[in-house]
């Protein structure tokens, strides 16, 4: 079971929250699903984008990412570290993915 029956992530994450690896935990120490999510966080990446690439629901992805954050394997970036133009880019990507549904 990916989430161990959990339905709420231990860390609050929005769809647009950016998550990045810290380099503090080796991916070999993670289970397969967490390692896949970790791999997608090599660069600051939005939760919604990670969910799309994993092919998992956003709720499940948030739980996996929250686990990584609590383990010290990943971190979220402060909003002021995100370029203003990236919000527009994110919205465009989300819209493209929604149109595919």
N, C-alpha and C. Protein backbone atom coordinates (compact mmCIF):
# COMPACT_ATOMS: atom_id res chain seq x y z
N UNK A 1 0.84 -1.17 0.00
CA UNK A 1 0.00 0.00 0.00
C UNK A 1 0.89 1.24 0.00
N UNK A 2 0.64 2.14 -0.93
CA UNK A 2 1.47 3.32 -1.10
C UNK A 2 1.44 4.27 0.08
N UNK A 3 0.28 4.47 0.63
CA UNK A 3 0.12 5.48 1.68
C UNK A 3 -0.11 4.88 3.05
N UNK A 4 -0.15 3.57 3.15
CA UNK A 4 -0.39 2.93 4.45
C UNK A 4 -1.77 3.26 4.99
N UNK A 5 -2.71 3.55 4.12
CA UNK A 5 -4.06 3.87 4.54
C UNK A 5 -4.26 5.34 4.92
N UNK A 6 -3.21 6.12 4.85
CA UNK A 6 -3.32 7.55 5.20
C UNK A 6 -4.03 8.31 4.08
N UNK A 7 -4.82 9.28 4.46
CA UNK A 7 -5.53 10.10 3.49
C UNK A 7 -5.14 11.56 3.56
N UNK A 8 -4.38 11.92 4.59
CA UNK A 8 -3.96 13.31 4.78
C UNK A 8 -2.43 13.35 4.90
N UNK A 9 -1.76 14.18 4.11
CA UNK A 9 -0.30 14.27 4.22
C UNK A 9 0.12 14.90 5.54
N UNK A 10 1.29 14.53 6.02
CA UNK A 10 1.81 15.06 7.28
C UNK A 10 2.30 16.49 7.14
N UNK A 11 2.50 16.94 5.91
CA UNK A 11 2.95 18.30 5.62
C UNK A 11 1.96 18.90 4.64
N UNK A 12 1.55 20.13 4.88
CA UNK A 12 0.60 20.78 3.99
C UNK A 12 1.30 21.18 2.69
N UNK A 13 0.75 20.71 1.58
CA UNK A 13 1.30 21.02 0.26
C UNK A 13 0.16 21.44 -0.67
N UNK A 14 0.38 22.51 -1.39
CA UNK A 14 -0.58 22.93 -2.40
C UNK A 14 -0.22 22.33 -3.74
N UNK A 15 -1.12 22.45 -4.71
CA UNK A 15 -0.84 21.94 -6.05
C UNK A 15 0.40 22.60 -6.63
N UNK A 16 0.57 23.88 -6.33
CA UNK A 16 1.67 24.65 -6.89
C UNK A 16 2.94 24.61 -6.04
N UNK A 17 2.88 23.97 -4.88
CA UNK A 17 4.06 23.89 -4.01
C UNK A 17 5.21 23.26 -4.77
N UNK A 18 6.39 23.85 -4.64
CA UNK A 18 7.58 23.32 -5.29
C UNK A 18 8.34 22.46 -4.28
N UNK A 19 8.73 21.28 -4.72
CA UNK A 19 9.47 20.35 -3.87
C UNK A 19 10.79 20.03 -4.55
N UNK A 20 11.85 19.97 -3.75
CA UNK A 20 13.18 19.65 -4.28
C UNK A 20 13.91 18.74 -3.30
N UNK A 21 14.77 17.90 -3.83
CA UNK A 21 15.55 17.00 -2.98
C UNK A 21 16.58 17.81 -2.19
N UNK A 22 17.00 17.25 -1.06
CA UNK A 22 17.98 17.91 -0.20
C UNK A 22 19.37 17.31 -0.35
N UNK A 23 19.45 16.08 -0.81
CA UNK A 23 20.73 15.39 -0.87
C UNK A 23 21.11 14.74 0.45
N UNK A 24 20.20 14.79 1.43
CA UNK A 24 20.49 14.23 2.75
C UNK A 24 20.16 12.74 2.88
N UNK A 25 19.39 12.20 1.94
CA UNK A 25 18.99 10.80 2.00
C UNK A 25 19.25 10.16 0.64
N UNK A 26 19.93 9.04 0.64
CA UNK A 26 20.21 8.32 -0.61
C UNK A 26 18.94 7.64 -1.10
N UNK A 27 18.67 7.70 -2.40
CA UNK A 27 17.44 7.09 -2.92
C UNK A 27 17.37 5.59 -2.69
N UNK A 28 18.52 4.93 -2.53
CA UNK A 28 18.53 3.49 -2.28
C UNK A 28 17.87 3.15 -0.94
N UNK A 29 17.79 4.12 -0.06
CA UNK A 29 17.19 3.90 1.25
C UNK A 29 15.67 4.06 1.23
N UNK A 30 15.13 4.46 0.08
CA UNK A 30 13.70 4.71 -0.05
C UNK A 30 13.02 3.52 -0.73
N UNK A 31 11.72 3.34 -0.45
CA UNK A 31 11.01 2.30 -1.18
C UNK A 31 10.78 2.79 -2.62
N UNK A 32 10.33 1.91 -3.47
CA UNK A 32 10.24 2.19 -4.89
C UNK A 32 9.42 3.44 -5.21
N UNK A 33 8.23 3.57 -4.65
CA UNK A 33 7.37 4.71 -4.97
C UNK A 33 7.96 6.02 -4.46
N UNK A 34 8.53 6.00 -3.26
CA UNK A 34 9.17 7.20 -2.74
C UNK A 34 10.40 7.57 -3.58
N UNK A 35 11.14 6.57 -4.03
CA UNK A 35 12.31 6.82 -4.86
C UNK A 35 11.91 7.44 -6.20
N UNK A 36 10.80 6.99 -6.77
CA UNK A 36 10.31 7.57 -8.02
C UNK A 36 9.96 9.04 -7.82
N UNK A 37 9.26 9.34 -6.74
CA UNK A 37 8.90 10.74 -6.44
C UNK A 37 10.16 11.56 -6.19
N UNK A 38 11.10 10.99 -5.45
CA UNK A 38 12.37 11.67 -5.14
C UNK A 38 13.10 12.03 -6.43
N UNK A 39 13.12 11.10 -7.37
CA UNK A 39 13.81 11.32 -8.64
C UNK A 39 13.24 12.51 -9.38
N UNK A 40 11.94 12.72 -9.27
CA UNK A 40 11.28 13.82 -9.98
C UNK A 40 11.49 15.17 -9.28
N UNK A 41 12.10 15.14 -8.11
CA UNK A 41 12.33 16.37 -7.34
C UNK A 41 13.78 16.83 -7.41
N UNK A 42 14.54 16.37 -8.36
CA UNK A 42 15.94 16.77 -8.46
C UNK A 42 16.07 18.28 -8.65
N UNK A 43 15.09 18.86 -9.30
CA UNK A 43 14.99 20.31 -9.46
C UNK A 43 13.64 20.71 -8.87
N UNK A 44 13.50 21.93 -8.37
CA UNK A 44 12.21 22.34 -7.80
C UNK A 44 11.07 22.08 -8.79
N UNK A 45 10.12 21.27 -8.35
CA UNK A 45 9.03 20.84 -9.23
C UNK A 45 7.72 20.94 -8.48
N UNK A 46 6.68 21.40 -9.16
CA UNK A 46 5.36 21.55 -8.56
C UNK A 46 4.74 20.19 -8.26
N UNK A 47 3.99 20.13 -7.18
CA UNK A 47 3.32 18.90 -6.76
C UNK A 47 2.47 18.34 -7.89
N UNK A 48 1.72 19.20 -8.54
CA UNK A 48 0.82 18.75 -9.61
C UNK A 48 1.61 18.13 -10.77
N UNK A 49 2.78 18.68 -11.06
CA UNK A 49 3.62 18.13 -12.13
C UNK A 49 4.17 16.77 -11.73
N UNK A 50 4.58 16.63 -10.49
CA UNK A 50 5.08 15.34 -10.00
C UNK A 50 3.99 14.29 -10.07
N UNK A 51 2.77 14.67 -9.66
CA UNK A 51 1.64 13.73 -9.70
C UNK A 51 1.40 13.26 -11.13
N UNK A 52 1.45 14.18 -12.08
CA UNK A 52 1.24 13.82 -13.47
C UNK A 52 2.29 12.87 -13.99
N UNK A 53 3.53 13.12 -13.64
CA UNK A 53 4.63 12.26 -14.10
C UNK A 53 4.62 10.90 -13.42
N UNK A 54 4.15 10.86 -12.16
CA UNK A 54 4.05 9.57 -11.47
C UNK A 54 2.84 8.77 -11.93
N UNK A 55 1.85 9.48 -12.48
CA UNK A 55 0.61 8.81 -12.86
C UNK A 55 -0.22 8.43 -11.64
N UNK A 56 -0.08 9.22 -10.58
CA UNK A 56 -0.80 8.98 -9.33
C UNK A 56 -1.71 10.16 -9.04
N UNK A 57 -2.79 9.93 -8.30
CA UNK A 57 -3.63 11.05 -7.88
C UNK A 57 -2.82 12.05 -7.05
N UNK A 58 -3.22 13.30 -7.11
CA UNK A 58 -2.53 14.35 -6.36
C UNK A 58 -2.52 14.04 -4.87
N UNK A 59 -3.62 13.52 -4.34
CA UNK A 59 -3.69 13.22 -2.90
C UNK A 59 -2.63 12.19 -2.50
N UNK A 60 -2.44 11.18 -3.32
CA UNK A 60 -1.41 10.16 -3.04
C UNK A 60 -0.03 10.77 -3.17
N UNK A 61 0.17 11.58 -4.19
CA UNK A 61 1.47 12.23 -4.41
C UNK A 61 1.83 13.13 -3.23
N UNK A 62 0.86 13.87 -2.72
CA UNK A 62 1.12 14.74 -1.57
C UNK A 62 1.60 13.93 -0.37
N UNK A 63 1.02 12.77 -0.15
CA UNK A 63 1.42 11.93 0.97
C UNK A 63 2.85 11.42 0.76
N UNK A 64 3.17 10.97 -0.45
CA UNK A 64 4.52 10.50 -0.74
C UNK A 64 5.54 11.63 -0.55
N UNK A 65 5.22 12.81 -1.06
CA UNK A 65 6.14 13.95 -0.93
C UNK A 65 6.28 14.39 0.53
N UNK A 66 5.18 14.38 1.27
CA UNK A 66 5.24 14.74 2.69
C UNK A 66 6.13 13.76 3.44
N UNK A 67 6.06 12.49 3.08
CA UNK A 67 6.95 11.49 3.69
C UNK A 67 8.41 11.83 3.42
N UNK A 68 8.71 12.21 2.18
CA UNK A 68 10.08 12.57 1.82
C UNK A 68 10.55 13.80 2.60
N UNK A 69 9.66 14.76 2.75
CA UNK A 69 10.00 15.98 3.49
C UNK A 69 10.26 15.66 4.96
N UNK A 70 9.39 14.86 5.56
CA UNK A 70 9.57 14.49 6.98
C UNK A 70 10.85 13.68 7.18
N UNK A 71 11.25 12.90 6.19
CA UNK A 71 12.47 12.08 6.29
C UNK A 71 13.73 12.90 6.01
N UNK A 72 13.56 14.14 5.58
CA UNK A 72 14.71 14.98 5.27
C UNK A 72 15.26 14.77 3.87
N UNK A 73 14.55 14.00 3.05
CA UNK A 73 15.00 13.71 1.70
C UNK A 73 14.62 14.81 0.71
N UNK A 74 13.62 15.62 1.08
CA UNK A 74 13.15 16.69 0.21
C UNK A 74 12.73 17.87 1.07
N UNK A 75 12.54 18.99 0.41
CA UNK A 75 12.10 20.20 1.10
C UNK A 75 11.18 20.98 0.18
N UNK A 76 10.39 21.88 0.75
CA UNK A 76 9.58 22.78 -0.06
C UNK A 76 10.31 24.11 -0.12
N UNK A 77 10.09 24.83 -1.19
CA UNK A 77 10.74 26.12 -1.37
C UNK A 77 9.79 27.23 -0.96
N UNK A 78 10.34 28.25 -0.35
CA UNK A 78 9.55 29.42 0.03
C UNK A 78 9.00 30.08 -1.23
N UNK A 79 7.82 30.64 -1.12
CA UNK A 79 7.17 31.24 -2.28
C UNK A 79 8.01 32.33 -2.92
N UNK A 80 8.77 33.06 -2.14
CA UNK A 80 9.56 34.15 -2.71
C UNK A 80 10.77 33.65 -3.50
N UNK A 81 11.05 32.36 -3.46
CA UNK A 81 12.15 31.81 -4.25
C UNK A 81 11.70 31.37 -5.64
N UNK A 82 10.41 31.44 -5.87
CA UNK A 82 9.85 31.01 -7.15
C UNK A 82 9.72 32.23 -8.06
N UNK A 83 10.19 32.12 -9.27
CA UNK A 83 10.10 33.21 -10.22
C UNK A 83 8.64 33.53 -10.52
N UNK A 84 8.27 34.82 -10.58
CA UNK A 84 6.88 35.19 -10.86
C UNK A 84 6.36 34.59 -12.17
N UNK A 85 7.20 34.53 -13.20
CA UNK A 85 6.75 34.00 -14.49
C UNK A 85 6.45 32.51 -14.43
N UNK A 86 7.03 31.82 -13.44
CA UNK A 86 6.80 30.37 -13.37
C UNK A 86 5.36 30.05 -13.00
N UNK A 87 4.66 30.96 -12.33
CA UNK A 87 3.26 30.73 -12.00
C UNK A 87 2.44 30.62 -13.28
N UNK A 88 2.70 31.50 -14.22
CA UNK A 88 2.00 31.46 -15.50
C UNK A 88 2.34 30.17 -16.25
N UNK A 89 3.62 29.82 -16.25
CA UNK A 89 4.04 28.58 -16.91
C UNK A 89 3.37 27.37 -16.29
N UNK A 90 3.28 27.35 -14.98
CA UNK A 90 2.62 26.25 -14.28
C UNK A 90 1.16 26.16 -14.68
N UNK A 91 0.47 27.29 -14.71
CA UNK A 91 -0.93 27.29 -15.10
C UNK A 91 -1.11 26.78 -16.53
N UNK A 92 -0.21 27.16 -17.41
CA UNK A 92 -0.29 26.66 -18.78
C UNK A 92 -0.11 25.14 -18.83
N UNK A 93 0.84 24.63 -18.07
CA UNK A 93 1.07 23.18 -18.05
C UNK A 93 -0.13 22.44 -17.45
N UNK A 94 -0.69 22.99 -16.39
CA UNK A 94 -1.87 22.36 -15.77
C UNK A 94 -3.02 22.35 -16.76
N UNK A 95 -3.22 23.47 -17.46
CA UNK A 95 -4.30 23.54 -18.44
C UNK A 95 -4.10 22.51 -19.55
N UNK A 96 -2.88 22.39 -20.04
CA UNK A 96 -2.60 21.38 -21.09
C UNK A 96 -2.92 19.97 -20.60
N UNK A 97 -2.53 19.66 -19.36
CA UNK A 97 -2.79 18.33 -18.81
C UNK A 97 -4.29 18.09 -18.60
N UNK A 98 -4.99 19.13 -18.16
CA UNK A 98 -6.44 18.99 -17.98
C UNK A 98 -7.14 18.75 -19.32
N UNK A 99 -6.67 19.38 -20.35
CA UNK A 99 -7.27 19.20 -21.68
C UNK A 99 -7.07 17.77 -22.18
N UNK A 100 -6.03 17.11 -21.70
CA UNK A 100 -5.76 15.73 -22.10
C UNK A 100 -6.74 14.74 -21.46
N UNK A 101 -7.37 15.16 -20.37
CA UNK A 101 -8.28 14.25 -19.64
C UNK A 101 -9.54 13.99 -20.38
